[in-house]
C-alpha cells in the first residue's frame, strides 16, 4: 500500500502504528504516525549534487 494511503488510513481509523510486511506476509517492521509526520518530503540530494554547490 502506498504511504499516502497508509497515512490516510491511519488518520481515519485513529491508529498510531502499522505493521510492515513483505510479500510473504512476514513482519519486517513497524511504521508509526510520528515516522510519517517527520519523514522528509523530498529525496535527499545525492553526493554529486552536494559537490556541485559552489563554496563561499
C-alpha atoms as a PDB file:
ATOM      1  CA  UNK A   1       0.000   0.000   0.000  1.00  0.00           C
ATOM      2  CA  UNK A   2       1.481   3.408  -0.905  1.00  0.00           C
ATOM      3  CA  UNK A   3       2.451   5.637   2.026  1.00  0.00           C
ATOM      4  CA  UNK A   4      -0.188   8.322   1.317  1.00  0.00           C
ATOM      5  CA  UNK A   5      -2.879   5.624   1.582  1.00  0.00           C
ATOM      6  CA  UNK A   6      -1.340   4.263   4.795  1.00  0.00           C
ATOM      7  CA  UNK A   7      -1.285   7.787   6.246  1.00  0.00           C
ATOM      8  CA  UNK A   8      -4.920   8.394   5.286  1.00  0.00           C
ATOM      9  CA  UNK A   9      -5.999   5.049   6.748  1.00  0.00           C
ATOM     10  CA  UNK A  10      -4.134   5.678   9.999  1.00  0.00           C
ATOM     11  CA  UNK A  11      -5.699   9.130  10.381  1.00  0.00           C
ATOM     12  CA  UNK A  12      -9.182   7.879   9.500  1.00  0.00           C
ATOM     13  CA  UNK A  13      -9.048   4.951  11.931  1.00  0.00           C
ATOM     14  CA  UNK A  14      -7.136   6.685  14.721  1.00  0.00           C
ATOM     15  CA  UNK A  15      -4.257   4.200  14.533  1.00  0.00           C
ATOM     16  CA  UNK A  16      -0.830   5.434  15.603  1.00  0.00           C
ATOM     17  CA  UNK A  17       1.113   2.372  14.435  1.00  0.00           C
ATOM     18  CA  UNK A  18       1.046  -0.046  11.497  1.00  0.00           C
ATOM     19  CA  UNK A  19       2.903  -3.270  10.807  1.00  0.00           C
ATOM     20  CA  UNK A  20       5.024  -3.572   7.679  1.00  0.00           C
ATOM     21  CA  UNK A  21       5.028  -6.995   5.987  1.00  0.00           C
ATOM     22  CA  UNK A  22       6.795  -8.342   2.939  1.00  0.00           C
ATOM     23  CA  UNK A  23       5.109 -10.148   0.046  1.00  0.00           C
ATOM     24  CA  UNK A  24       5.047 -13.368   2.097  1.00  0.00           C
ATOM     25  CA  UNK A  25       3.247 -11.590   4.953  1.00  0.00           C
ATOM     26  CA  UNK A  26       6.382 -11.836   7.119  1.00  0.00           C
ATOM     27  CA  UNK A  27       6.774  -8.983   9.597  1.00  0.00           C
ATOM     28  CA  UNK A  28       9.625  -6.688   8.571  1.00  0.00           C
ATOM     29  CA  UNK A  29       8.969  -3.659  10.761  1.00  0.00           C
ATOM     30  CA  UNK A  30       6.649  -1.098  12.284  1.00  0.00           C
ATOM     31  CA  UNK A  31       5.580   2.298  10.994  1.00  0.00           C
ATOM     32  CA  UNK A  32       4.354   4.998  13.336  1.00  0.00           C
ATOM     33  CA  UNK A  33       2.404   8.154  12.704  1.00  0.00           C
ATOM     34  CA  UNK A  34       5.442  10.014  14.060  1.00  0.00           C
ATOM     35  CA  UNK A  35       7.572   8.363  11.333  1.00  0.00           C
ATOM     36  CA  UNK A  36       5.203   9.629   8.659  1.00  0.00           C
ATOM     37  CA  UNK A  37       4.907  13.127  10.117  1.00  0.00           C
ATOM     38  CA  UNK A  38       8.674  13.604  10.456  1.00  0.00           C
ATOM     39  CA  UNK A  39       9.782  11.943   7.201  1.00  0.00           C
ATOM     40  CA  UNK A  40      11.425  14.166   4.579  1.00  0.00           C
ATOM     41  CA  UNK A  41       9.027  15.126   1.804  1.00  0.00           C
ATOM     42  CA  UNK A  42      11.742  15.267  -0.858  1.00  0.00           C
ATOM     43  CA  UNK A  43      14.585  12.947  -1.700  1.00  0.00           C
ATOM     44  CA  UNK A  44      17.907  13.842  -0.118  1.00  0.00           C
ATOM     45  CA  UNK A  45      20.429  15.322  -2.539  1.00  0.00           C
ATOM     46  CA  UNK A  46      22.986  12.923  -3.963  1.00  0.00           C
ATOM     47  CA  UNK A  47      26.675  13.378  -3.131  1.00  0.00           C
ATOM     48  CA  UNK A  48      27.182  14.620  -6.708  1.00  0.00           C
ATOM     49  CA  UNK A  49      24.536  17.311  -6.239  1.00  0.00           C
ATOM     50  CA  UNK A  50      26.122  18.391  -2.967  1.00  0.00           C
ATOM     51  CA  UNK A  51      29.565  18.557  -4.587  1.00  0.00           C
ATOM     52  CA  UNK A  52      28.173  20.814  -7.323  1.00  0.00           C
ATOM     53  CA  UNK A  53      27.313  23.578  -4.847  1.00  0.00           C
ATOM     54  CA  UNK A  54      29.983  26.282  -5.064  1.00  0.00           C
ATOM     55  CA  UNK A  55      31.841  27.033  -1.817  1.00  0.00           C
ATOM     56  CA  UNK A  56      31.752  30.557  -0.493  1.00  0.00           C
END
